[in-house]
Protein backbone atom coordinates (compact mmCIF):
# COMPACT_ATOMS: atom_id res chain seq x y z
CA MET A 1 -37.86 43.99 -23.27
CA PRO A 2 -40.57 41.60 -22.47
CA PHE A 3 -41.80 39.40 -25.43
CA ASN A 4 -45.55 41.08 -25.59
CA GLN A 5 -44.00 44.67 -25.93
CA LEU A 6 -41.84 43.51 -28.69
CA LEU A 7 -44.83 42.21 -30.46
CA ASN A 8 -46.54 45.77 -30.00
CA VAL A 9 -43.70 47.58 -31.47
CA ARG A 10 -44.05 44.95 -34.40
CA ARG A 11 -47.69 45.94 -35.03
CA ARG A 12 -47.05 49.58 -34.68
CA CYS A 13 -44.30 49.19 -37.36
CA GLU A 14 -46.52 47.21 -39.70
CA SER A 15 -49.18 49.65 -39.69
CA TRP A 16 -46.58 52.46 -40.56
CA ILE A 17 -45.15 50.48 -43.26
CA GLN A 18 -48.70 49.70 -44.76
CA SER A 19 -48.91 53.62 -45.34
CA ALA A 20 -45.71 53.49 -47.46
CA GLU A 21 -45.83 53.27 -51.17
CA GLY A 22 -44.87 50.87 -53.92
CA HIS A 23 -41.89 48.22 -53.29
CA HIS A 24 -40.51 50.27 -50.57
CA ARG A 25 -42.86 48.64 -48.08
CA ALA A 26 -41.31 45.13 -48.11
CA ILE A 27 -37.78 46.57 -47.68
CA LEU A 28 -38.80 48.87 -44.75
CA TYR A 29 -40.59 45.81 -43.04
CA PHE A 30 -37.72 43.45 -43.38
CA LEU A 31 -35.20 45.96 -42.23
CA THR A 32 -37.13 47.05 -39.24
CA ILE A 33 -37.94 43.43 -38.18
CA ALA A 34 -34.23 42.16 -38.63
CA SER A 35 -32.97 45.44 -36.41
CA LEU A 36 -35.52 44.46 -33.72
CA PHE A 37 -34.79 40.87 -33.53
CA ALA A 38 -30.70 41.82 -33.43
CA TRP A 39 -31.29 44.26 -30.78
CA TYR A 40 -33.37 41.35 -28.71
CA LEU A 41 -30.62 39.00 -29.06
CA PHE A 42 -28.00 41.25 -28.10
CA ARG A 43 -29.91 41.74 -24.86
CA ILE A 44 -30.57 38.38 -23.96
CA TYR A 45 -28.19 35.84 -25.60
CA PRO A 46 -24.95 36.99 -23.70
CA LYS A 47 -26.48 36.51 -20.15
CA ARG A 48 -27.62 32.99 -21.20
CA SER A 49 -24.17 32.00 -22.77
CA LYS A 50 -22.58 32.86 -19.71
CA HIS A 51 -24.26 30.01 -17.80
CA THR A 52 -25.08 27.43 -20.68
CA LEU A 53 -21.79 27.44 -22.66
CA ARG A 54 -18.95 27.63 -20.21
CA ARG A 55 -16.56 24.84 -19.85
CA GLU A 56 -15.03 23.90 -16.67
CA ASN A 57 -11.20 23.26 -16.82
CA SER A 58 -9.91 19.88 -15.66
CA PRO A 59 -8.08 20.42 -12.35
CA ASP A 60 -4.21 20.65 -12.27
CA LEU A 61 -3.43 18.72 -9.18
CA GLU A 62 0.07 20.30 -8.93
CA LYS A 63 -1.18 23.74 -8.58
CA PRO A 64 -2.24 24.93 -5.05
CA ALA A 65 -5.93 24.43 -4.60
CA SER A 66 -6.40 28.26 -4.10
CA ARG A 67 -5.53 28.56 -7.96
CA ARG A 68 -7.75 25.55 -8.93
CA ASN A 69 -10.87 26.48 -7.05
CA GLY A 70 -11.31 30.04 -5.48
CA SER A 71 -13.71 28.42 -2.82
CA PHE A 72 -11.33 26.31 -1.49
CA LYS A 73 -8.67 27.07 1.12
CA ALA A 74 -6.75 24.64 3.66
CA PRO A 75 -7.25 25.61 7.17
CA GLU A 76 -4.69 28.09 8.66
CA ARG A 77 -2.36 26.10 11.18
CA ALA A 78 0.83 26.54 12.88
CA LEU A 79 3.81 24.80 11.43
CA GLY A 80 4.01 21.27 12.89
CA VAL A 81 0.64 21.39 14.57
CA TRP A 82 -1.99 19.38 13.48
CA THR A 83 -5.75 19.31 14.86
CA PRO A 84 -7.52 15.99 14.42
CA MET A 85 -10.36 16.19 11.90
CA GLU A 86 -13.77 14.42 11.72
CA PHE A 87 -13.13 12.84 8.33
CA LYS A 88 -14.37 9.20 7.61
CA ARG A 89 -13.09 7.26 4.50
CA PRO A 90 -16.08 6.37 2.37
CA PRO A 91 -16.90 2.52 2.57
CA ALA A 92 -15.43 0.70 -0.30
CA PRO A 93 -17.84 -1.90 -2.17
CA PRO A 94 -16.24 -5.50 -2.79
CA TYR A 95 -13.78 -5.47 -5.74
CA PRO A 96 -15.99 -6.87 -8.44
CA SER A 97 -15.34 -10.88 -9.12
CA TRP A 98 -12.00 -10.50 -7.57
CA ASP A 99 -9.98 -13.51 -6.61
CA VAL A 100 -6.82 -13.79 -5.06
CA HIS A 101 -5.76 -16.77 -7.27
CA THR A 102 -6.93 -15.33 -10.87
CA ALA A 103 -6.85 -11.50 -10.45
CA GLU A 104 -4.22 -10.46 -12.89
CA PRO A 105 -1.95 -7.39 -12.01
CA ILE A 106 -2.87 -3.95 -13.57
CA PRO A 107 -0.58 -3.33 -16.33
CA TYR A 108 0.51 -0.01 -15.70
CA ARG A 109 2.54 1.68 -18.61
CA PRO A 110 3.50 5.17 -17.27
CA PHE A 111 5.76 6.30 -20.18
CA ARG A 112 5.00 8.40 -23.21
CA HIS A 113 6.44 9.16 -26.29
CA GLY A 114 9.37 11.87 -26.06
CA PRO A 115 9.96 14.63 -24.69
CA TYR A 116 10.35 13.44 -21.01
CA HIS A 117 8.97 16.25 -18.59
CA ILE A 118 9.96 16.20 -14.79
CA THR A 119 6.75 16.51 -13.02
CA MET A 120 5.03 15.17 -9.58
CA GLY A 121 2.58 13.47 -12.13
CA LEU A 122 -0.29 13.39 -9.67
CA ARG A 123 -3.92 12.62 -10.30
CA THR A 124 -7.10 12.16 -8.21
CA MET A 125 -7.53 8.55 -6.58
CA LYS A 126 -10.90 6.88 -6.13
CA TRP A 127 -11.21 5.99 -2.53
CA ASP A 128 -12.42 2.56 -3.77
CA GLU A 129 -8.95 1.89 -5.37
CA TRP A 130 -6.80 2.73 -2.50
CA ILE A 131 -5.06 -0.66 -2.37
CA GLU A 132 -4.64 -3.08 -5.21
CA LEU A 133 -4.34 -6.81 -4.74
CA ASP A 134 -3.85 -9.45 -7.29
CA ASN A 135 -2.92 -13.06 -8.12
CA GLN A 136 0.73 -12.04 -6.86
CA TYR A 137 -0.43 -11.63 -3.44
CA LEU A 138 1.15 -14.95 -2.04
CA ARG A 139 4.45 -14.33 -3.70
CA PHE A 140 4.54 -10.57 -2.05
CA HIS A 141 3.32 -11.95 1.25
CA ALA A 142 6.18 -14.62 1.39
CA ASP A 143 8.86 -12.33 0.47
CA LYS A 144 7.73 -9.81 3.09
CA ALA A 145 7.67 -12.33 5.58
CA ARG A 146 11.12 -13.36 4.86
CA ARG A 147 12.74 -9.93 5.02
CA ILE A 148 11.08 -9.02 8.32
CA ALA A 149 12.75 -12.18 9.68
CA GLU A 150 16.07 -11.74 8.13
CA ARG A 151 16.26 -7.75 8.42
CA GLY A 152 13.77 -6.76 11.04
CA SER A 153 14.11 -3.04 11.98
CA LYS A 154 16.24 -2.08 8.79
CA CYS A 155 13.08 -2.26 7.01
CA CYS A 156 10.37 -1.66 9.14
CA ARG A 157 10.65 0.84 12.23
CA THR A 158 8.46 3.70 13.62
CA ALA A 159 9.66 6.59 15.55
CA PRO A 160 8.12 7.15 19.23
CA GLU A 161 6.47 10.17 18.13
CA ALA A 162 4.75 8.65 15.00
CA PHE A 163 3.47 5.64 16.99
CA ASP A 164 -0.33 7.18 16.68
CA GLY A 165 0.19 7.70 13.19
CA ALA A 166 1.42 4.27 12.54
CA ASP A 167 -1.27 2.90 14.57
CA GLU A 168 -4.22 4.86 12.68
CA LEU A 169 -2.65 3.35 9.33
CA LEU A 170 -3.20 -0.29 10.69
CA GLU A 171 -6.65 0.85 11.79
CA GLU A 172 -7.55 2.23 8.30
CA LEU A 173 -6.24 -0.78 6.64
CA THR A 174 -8.21 -3.07 8.89
CA ASP A 175 -11.33 -1.32 8.11
CA TYR A 176 -10.90 -1.15 4.30
CA LEU A 177 -9.30 -4.72 3.42
CA PRO A 178 -12.65 -6.62 4.48
CA GLN A 179 -14.68 -4.27 2.71
CA ARG A 180 -12.76 -4.30 -0.54
CA TYR A 181 -11.53 -8.07 -0.51
CA PRO A 182 -14.09 -9.92 1.41
CA SER A 183 -13.02 -13.25 -0.09
CA LEU A 184 -9.52 -12.50 1.46
CA TYR A 185 -9.97 -10.62 4.87
CA ALA A 186 -12.53 -10.52 7.51
CA ARG A 187 -13.20 -8.09 10.17
CA THR A 188 -12.79 -9.29 13.75
CA PRO A 189 -13.97 -7.64 17.07
CA THR A 190 -10.23 -6.85 17.82
CA GLY A 191 -8.88 -6.75 14.27
CA ILE A 192 -8.69 -8.66 11.14
CA HIS A 193 -7.95 -12.28 10.06
CA ASN A 194 -6.71 -13.53 6.58
CA LEU A 195 -8.92 -15.98 5.22
CA LEU A 196 -6.11 -17.20 2.97
CA THR A 197 -3.05 -17.57 5.10
CA HIS A 198 -5.20 -18.05 8.44
CA GLU A 199 -3.05 -15.26 10.20
CA THR A 200 -5.40 -13.07 12.75
CA PHE A 201 -4.03 -9.70 14.00
CA ASP A 202 -5.33 -8.01 17.24
CA ILE A 203 -4.55 -4.42 16.90
CA THR A 204 -6.09 -3.65 20.32
CA GLN A 205 -3.87 -5.14 22.51
CA ARG A 206 -1.07 -2.97 24.28
CA PRO A 207 1.60 -3.21 23.69
CA LEU A 208 1.29 -4.59 20.28
CA PRO A 209 3.40 -7.65 19.43
CA GLU A 210 5.24 -6.10 16.74
CA ASP A 211 5.53 -2.79 15.16
CA PRO A 212 2.39 -1.40 13.86
CA MET A 213 4.35 -0.71 10.31
CA GLN A 214 5.55 -4.18 10.12
CA THR A 215 1.90 -5.56 10.92
CA ALA A 216 0.36 -3.27 8.12
CA ALA A 217 3.17 -4.40 5.74
CA ARG A 218 1.97 -7.92 6.01
CA LEU A 219 -1.62 -7.22 5.27
CA VAL A 220 -0.68 -5.72 1.67
CA GLN A 221 1.34 -5.98 -1.26
CA ASP A 222 2.64 -2.22 -0.99
CA ASP A 223 5.59 -0.77 0.97
CA LEU A 224 4.62 1.90 3.23
CA ALA A 225 5.66 5.21 4.59
CA ILE A 226 4.36 7.97 6.65
CA MET A 227 5.73 11.43 6.59
CA PHE A 228 5.03 14.02 9.61
CA GLU A 229 5.41 17.79 9.67
CA LYS A 230 7.68 19.16 12.08
CA PRO A 231 7.88 22.96 13.45
CA ASP A 232 10.42 23.83 11.00
CA GLY A 233 7.62 23.14 7.92
CA GLN A 234 9.53 20.21 6.68
CA TYR A 235 7.99 16.53 6.34
CA TYR A 236 10.15 13.83 7.74
CA LEU A 237 10.30 10.25 7.40
CA LEU A 238 9.05 8.72 10.92
CA ALA A 239 7.34 5.56 10.05
CA GLY A 240 8.05 3.12 7.40
CA ALA A 241 7.80 -0.71 6.13
CA ILE A 242 9.93 -0.62 2.95
CA LEU A 243 10.54 -4.32 2.37
CA LEU A 244 10.46 -4.51 -1.54
CA PRO A 245 12.19 -1.10 -2.52
CA GLY A 246 14.87 -2.36 -5.20
CA PHE A 247 17.05 0.38 -5.09
CA TRP A 248 16.90 2.27 -1.48
CA ARG A 249 17.18 1.33 1.85
CA LEU A 250 14.75 2.67 4.69
CA GLU A 251 17.97 2.88 7.16
CA ASP A 252 19.67 5.37 4.94
CA LYS A 253 16.70 7.85 4.79
CA PHE A 254 14.73 7.30 8.13
CA GLY A 255 14.21 10.20 10.04
CA MET A 256 15.17 12.73 6.97
CA PRO A 257 13.27 15.66 5.78
CA LEU A 258 11.33 15.21 2.32
CA SER A 259 14.00 17.59 0.76
CA GLU A 260 16.90 15.83 1.84
CA ILE A 261 15.55 12.18 0.84
CA HIS A 262 15.47 13.63 -2.57
CA THR A 263 18.81 15.49 -2.76
CA SER A 264 20.66 12.65 -1.14
CA GLY A 265 19.28 10.22 -3.81
CA ASP A 266 20.10 12.64 -6.53
CA VAL A 267 16.55 12.86 -7.85
CA PRO A 268 16.75 14.64 -11.10
CA GLY A 269 15.40 18.07 -11.33
CA PHE A 270 14.19 18.27 -7.71
CA LYS A 271 15.45 21.60 -6.70
CA ALA A 272 14.61 23.33 -9.73
CA LYS A 273 11.36 21.51 -10.62
CA LEU A 274 10.10 19.64 -7.88
CA GLU A 275 10.79 20.88 -4.43
CA LYS A 276 8.44 24.00 -4.21
CA GLY A 277 5.46 22.07 -5.59
CA MET A 278 6.18 19.21 -3.44
CA MET A 279 6.38 21.21 -0.23
CA ASN A 280 3.12 23.06 -1.00
CA PHE A 281 1.32 19.96 -1.86
CA PHE A 282 2.48 18.42 1.55
CA ARG A 283 1.27 21.50 3.08
CA ARG A 284 -2.16 21.92 1.68
CA VAL A 285 -3.35 18.01 1.48
CA GLN A 286 -6.52 17.38 3.36
CA PRO A 287 -7.72 13.83 4.42
CA GLY A 288 -10.46 13.92 1.70
CA GLN A 289 -8.11 14.47 -1.12
CA PRO A 290 -6.16 11.34 -1.90
CA VAL A 291 -4.00 11.12 -5.04
CA LEU A 292 -1.91 8.65 -7.32
CA ARG A 293 1.26 8.92 -9.15
CA ASN A 294 3.20 6.33 -11.10
CA ASN A 295 6.84 6.04 -12.14
CA TYR A 296 9.04 3.32 -13.92
CA PHE A 297 12.69 1.74 -13.90
CA ILE A 298 14.55 -0.61 -15.89
CA GLN A 299 16.42 -3.36 -13.58
CA VAL A 300 18.90 -5.83 -14.91
CA ASP A 301 17.85 -8.75 -12.34
CA ASP A 302 14.89 -10.65 -11.37
CA ASP A 303 15.19 -9.49 -7.60
CA LEU A 304 11.79 -7.71 -6.51
CA ALA A 305 13.32 -7.18 -3.07
CA TRP A 306 16.73 -5.51 -3.87
CA SER A 307 18.23 -5.24 -7.26
CA SER A 308 21.40 -7.26 -6.56
CA SER A 309 23.02 -6.09 -10.06
CA ILE A 310 23.74 -2.49 -8.26
CA GLY A 311 25.64 -4.05 -5.27
CA PRO A 312 25.10 -5.56 -2.04
CA GLU A 313 22.12 -4.42 -0.09
CA ASP A 314 24.17 -3.83 3.16
CA GLN A 315 27.23 -1.63 2.87
CA GLU A 316 30.60 -3.08 3.48
CA ILE A 317 32.47 -1.04 6.07
CA ASP A 318 36.40 -1.37 6.40
CA GLU A 319 38.64 -1.16 9.57
CA VAL A 320 38.41 2.57 9.66
CA GLY A 321 34.65 2.88 9.25
CA SER A 322 34.83 3.93 5.51
CA VAL A 323 32.30 2.36 3.13
CA ARG A 324 34.19 -0.37 1.14
CA LYS A 325 31.87 -1.01 -1.74
CA ALA A 326 29.25 1.35 -2.37
CA SER A 327 25.92 0.17 -4.19
CA GLY A 328 24.81 1.97 -6.98
CA TRP A 329 24.57 1.60 -11.18
CA ASN A 330 28.35 1.99 -11.26
CA ALA A 331 28.58 -1.70 -9.75
CA ALA A 332 26.25 -2.67 -12.45
CA GLU A 333 27.51 -5.03 -15.35
CA LYS A 334 26.94 -3.15 -18.85
CA ASN A 335 25.01 -4.64 -21.75
CA LYS A 336 23.50 -7.88 -19.91
CA ALA A 337 21.54 -10.05 -22.39
CA ILE A 338 17.58 -8.70 -22.72
CA GLU A 339 16.60 -11.84 -20.84
CA HIS A 340 17.84 -10.10 -17.69
CA HIS A 341 16.13 -6.62 -18.52
CA TYR A 342 12.82 -6.09 -16.26
CA PHE A 343 10.31 -3.39 -16.22
CA ARG A 344 9.69 -2.09 -12.76
CA THR A 345 7.05 0.60 -12.13
CA GLU A 346 5.38 1.83 -9.04
CA ARG A 347 1.92 2.86 -8.15
CA GLN A 348 2.16 5.38 -5.14
CA SER A 349 -0.97 6.71 -3.23
CA LEU A 350 -0.68 9.67 -0.95
CA ARG A 351 -3.31 10.72 1.48
CA ARG A 352 -3.54 12.55 4.82
CA LEU A 353 -4.43 10.57 8.02
CA PRO A 354 -7.28 12.46 9.78
CA ARG A 355 -6.29 12.04 13.27
CA SER A 356 -2.45 12.15 13.31
CA GLY A 357 -2.09 14.39 10.21
CA GLY A 358 0.42 12.12 8.87
CA VAL A 359 0.99 11.89 5.08
CA VAL A 360 0.83 8.18 3.90
CA PHE A 361 2.74 6.78 0.89
CA THR A 362 1.51 3.30 -0.38
CA ILE A 363 4.09 2.13 -2.90
CA ARG A 364 2.92 -0.94 -4.97
CA THR A 365 5.61 -2.35 -7.13
CA TYR A 366 4.72 -4.10 -10.43
CA PHE A 367 7.30 -6.26 -11.84
CA GLU A 368 7.53 -8.11 -15.27
CA PRO A 369 10.30 -9.06 -18.00
CA ILE A 370 10.87 -6.29 -20.78
CA THR A 371 10.14 -9.58 -23.02
CA LYS A 372 6.84 -9.77 -21.90
CA VAL A 373 6.14 -5.92 -21.94
CA SER A 374 7.04 -5.48 -25.33
CA GLN A 375 4.66 -7.86 -26.70
CA GLU A 376 1.87 -5.44 -25.92
CA TRP A 377 0.52 -3.33 -28.92
CA GLY A 378 2.50 -0.05 -29.50
CA VAL A 379 4.69 -0.46 -26.10
CA PRO A 380 8.20 -1.26 -27.83
CA GLY A 381 7.98 1.99 -29.63
CA ARG A 382 6.62 4.26 -27.07
CA LEU A 383 9.24 3.06 -24.29
CA ALA A 384 12.08 3.36 -26.75
CA SER A 385 10.99 7.02 -27.33
CA ALA A 386 10.75 7.62 -23.75
CA VAL A 387 14.20 6.32 -22.93
CA ARG A 388 15.97 8.02 -25.74
CA SER A 389 14.13 11.38 -24.38
CA TRP A 390 15.67 11.18 -20.91
CA GLY A 391 18.09 14.14 -20.20
CA GLU A 392 21.76 13.44 -19.17
CA ASP A 393 20.49 13.84 -15.37
CA VAL A 394 17.68 11.29 -15.72
CA SER A 395 19.58 8.94 -17.62
CA ARG A 396 22.38 8.82 -15.02
CA TYR A 397 19.72 8.40 -12.52
CA LYS A 398 18.04 5.47 -13.97
CA GLY A 399 21.28 3.72 -15.23
CA ARG A 400 20.75 4.00 -19.02
CA GLU A 401 24.38 3.66 -19.53
CA LYS A 402 24.51 0.16 -18.28
CA TYR A 403 21.54 -1.15 -20.55
CA GLY A 404 20.60 1.18 -23.17
CA GLU A 405 22.48 -0.15 -25.97
CA VAL A 406 20.78 -3.74 -25.51
CA LEU A 407 17.39 -2.38 -24.45
CA LEU A 408 16.87 0.28 -27.35
CA GLU A 409 18.01 -2.41 -30.09
CA TYR A 410 15.53 -4.93 -28.79
CA LEU A 411 12.61 -2.31 -28.51
CA ASP A 412 13.51 -0.96 -31.90
CA VAL A 413 13.20 -4.55 -33.39
CA ARG A 414 10.06 -5.30 -31.64
CA HIS A 415 8.64 -2.01 -32.81
CA LYS A 416 9.47 -2.66 -36.52
CA GLU A 417 7.80 -5.96 -36.20
CA GLN A 418 4.71 -4.18 -35.05
CA VAL A 419 4.92 -1.39 -37.75
CA ALA A 420 4.98 -4.32 -40.34
CA GLN A 421 1.73 -5.61 -38.80
CA GLY A 422 0.16 -2.43 -39.17
CA LEU A 423 0.93 -0.30 -36.08
CA LYS A 424 1.07 3.28 -37.21
CA GLU A 425 4.07 5.36 -36.13
CA GLY A 426 3.05 7.45 -32.45
CA GLU A 427 -0.05 5.38 -32.34
CA ASP A 428 -1.33 4.91 -28.75
CA VAL A 429 -3.61 2.15 -27.33
CA GLU A 430 -7.09 2.89 -28.52
CA GLY A 431 -9.55 3.00 -25.33
CA LYS A 432 -7.04 3.28 -22.65
CA SER A 433 -6.00 6.06 -20.69
CA TYR A 434 -2.60 7.03 -19.41
CA PRO A 435 -0.91 5.46 -17.52
CA TYR A 436 -1.83 2.47 -19.49
């Protein structure tokens, strides 16, 4: 009802009430006006509330996009077929005040108080933050150069059908790095120049002087991998530069489908909790939807490239062709001193390449002594709670039997010290968001 009509009704009611006698006049007036006002609100307010009071839910990246947003649907296509898309990554602004000698590594602490849940753990990535470089750059660069010289195709290789995707990744890095880190990289007419190491890479010449994945690996601190879909709907590891993996070898996984990579590595809960969601994600992810995830491990030696405590990187083969001594946690020494315990965490980005359709992993490792990490406020208690909450399969996968006693005893002592200094049980770090 229009508001002027409401006023007319009110005037008629007032005229009628004035003809009543005694104290009934005031009561009738109040009841009439109250009823009209309530009726007006009933008609108008619900329509407004639908638009002004609804709160949008935060997106769950592990649910299909169609369930998160009814307006989005990935383009229909045949399995193993990708049509190049016209997508351009947004330009990256220079990293504020970044310096290769002073930029500290970001302290990712991707563990929570128990219980432990097995999920993909995806979150949205800002395009500016695709690649992270810091003051460990020269160490990583030297380690990678040494590993390329010593191991070559054992660590870096590209299948012939994946060459275009590897070349596309190299082009993407050549475009992004001078934008984001102009004090370290400069764009050239044919490629990119490293202002610190004075290396220049021509990415236009054919044939390229080395595998494009190998060149890409020299530019960043990350390891790199590209998965490609085949007609069976599976995604296969067909291009990789895995130089600092710690616990796995590219030569063992190269050419494998995604599901076999995880089952052959005994990844906990893969079949029951991860496989379906992971396959759906790979199938639907679009070039404009980059994501991040983090994981963490405990390592009982200080070797960034390969954890020597679990055995040799190269398998020893006997005279009949059998593996003489397989690497794994069974080979590790038990209860080494806490000074040998290191916190190893990976920041992984995933994005679809628009031209080739390959899904790129960047795998950046952060590596610090437990004795250093445990100095941070709230970390010893939180990490101890997380480790204790691992199920049997996760504990076996992460090797807890080999270091759990020493690690947890040390973390408990550090936690008690922090509690004595004022830390509250279960307290998280104020002002920081996971995975801090």
